Structure formats: C-alpha cells, structure tokens
Amino acid sequence: MRAEYGDQGRSGPVKQWHLVQNEKLVGLCGRDLAEDSATMESTEWGRTGERCCRSCGVIWFQSVPFLADEHDRSTYLKSG
C-alpha cells in the first residue's frame, strides 16, 4: 500500500491509502502517488487509522480468489 497526502503533502496527514502492484507509484485505481510517500503491507488494508481507497479495494478483491477453506468460518458465517 502507498499513502496519498492532502494539500500539505507528506508533512500533513495521510488522506487515504492505495493498493499498488510491485511497489509501483500508481494505485490500482489509477491515482499517481508520490515516490516518497509512506508504504505499508497490503495485509494492513482496512486496519489503518486513515481511509483506504474504495476503488483500489474493489479492484483488489475482484482480482484475488476467496478460498473459504483457508479461513476460519466462525468469523464470517453465523448459524441460524
């Protein structure tokens, strides 16, 4: 993930996080990101204190399979 900043640039707060491929400077949504912007592992998606780009999220989650057997079903399925 790579940070997008507001008008203050890197000296200000993170506006939102974008998912990127292979350390590229373009979010999956197409937004150009600064070379010196903060980075974070994609596993932190949705766990940051700042917003995460919804468009990047949609593109990412449509591109990776959800393999139910790899997840603890009790955390997302509720019986009766």
Protein backbone atom coordinates (compact mmCIF):
# COMPACT_ATOMS: atom_id res chain seq x y z
CA MET A 1 0.00 0.00 0.00
CA ARG A 2 1.10 3.55 -0.60
CA ALA A 3 -0.14 6.75 1.05
CA GLU A 4 -1.86 9.67 -0.65
CA TYR A 5 -1.50 13.02 1.09
CA GLY A 6 -3.62 16.16 1.07
CA ASP A 7 -2.59 19.74 0.28
CA GLN A 8 0.18 19.76 2.91
CA GLY A 9 1.99 16.87 1.27
CA ARG A 10 3.96 14.40 3.34
CA SER A 11 4.20 16.88 6.23
CA GLY A 12 0.43 16.57 6.67
CA PRO A 13 -1.76 13.60 7.48
CA VAL A 14 -2.40 10.67 5.16
CA LYS A 15 -5.53 11.37 3.13
CA GLN A 16 -6.04 7.72 2.19
CA TRP A 17 -4.19 4.51 1.39
CA HIS A 18 -4.00 2.93 -2.06
CA LEU A 19 -3.13 -0.58 -3.12
CA VAL A 20 -0.27 -0.75 -5.62
CA GLN A 21 1.34 -3.55 -7.61
CA ASN A 22 5.01 -4.35 -7.08
CA GLU A 23 5.93 -1.02 -5.48
CA LYS A 24 4.63 0.99 -8.44
CA LEU A 25 3.77 4.66 -7.94
CA VAL A 26 0.23 4.27 -9.28
CA GLY A 27 -2.67 2.96 -7.23
CA LEU A 28 -4.85 0.20 -8.67
CA CYS A 29 -7.46 2.95 -9.07
CA GLY A 30 -5.11 4.86 -11.39
CA ARG A 31 -4.09 7.64 -8.99
CA ASP A 32 -0.44 8.75 -9.25
CA LEU A 33 1.32 8.62 -5.90
CA ALA A 34 4.47 10.37 -4.68
CA GLU A 35 7.74 8.45 -4.74
CA ASP A 36 8.46 9.44 -1.13
CA SER A 37 5.02 8.51 0.19
CA ALA A 38 4.76 6.11 3.12
CA THR A 39 4.23 2.45 2.38
CA MET A 40 2.57 -0.36 4.28
CA GLU A 41 1.99 -4.06 3.64
CA SER A 42 -1.28 -4.88 1.88
CA THR A 43 -2.24 -7.07 4.84
CA GLU A 44 -2.91 -3.82 6.73
CA TRP A 45 -5.77 -2.92 4.36
CA GLY A 46 -8.74 -1.77 6.44
CA ARG A 47 -6.69 -1.71 9.65
CA THR A 48 -5.25 1.77 9.31
CA GLY A 49 -6.48 4.80 11.18
CA GLU A 50 -6.93 6.55 7.82
CA ARG A 51 -9.29 5.78 4.96
CA CYS A 52 -8.47 3.20 2.33
CA CYS A 53 -9.35 3.90 -1.31
CA ARG A 54 -12.58 2.08 -2.12
CA SER A 55 -11.77 1.81 -5.81
CA CYS A 56 -8.46 0.11 -5.07
CA GLY A 57 -10.27 -2.23 -2.70
CA VAL A 58 -12.86 -3.23 -5.29
CA ILE A 59 -10.22 -3.90 -7.93
CA TRP A 60 -8.06 -5.86 -5.49
CA PHE A 61 -10.84 -8.02 -4.07
CA GLN A 62 -12.16 -8.82 -7.55
CA SER A 63 -8.70 -9.98 -8.61
CA VAL A 64 -7.92 -12.37 -5.75
CA PRO A 65 -9.89 -15.53 -5.04
CA PHE A 66 -11.61 -16.05 -1.72
CA LEU A 67 -10.75 -19.58 -0.69
CA ALA A 68 -13.16 -20.34 2.12
CA ASP A 69 -11.19 -23.35 3.32
CA GLU A 70 -8.27 -21.04 4.15
CA HIS A 71 -10.34 -19.01 6.63
CA ASP A 72 -11.92 -19.66 9.98
CA ARG A 73 -15.58 -19.83 9.02
CA SER A 74 -16.73 -18.95 12.51
CA THR A 75 -15.59 -15.39 11.90
CA TYR A 76 -17.80 -14.79 8.86
CA LEU A 77 -20.59 -17.38 8.94
CA LYS A 78 -23.24 -17.38 11.61
CA SER A 79 -25.54 -20.34 12.15
CA GLY A 80 -29.33 -19.98 12.47
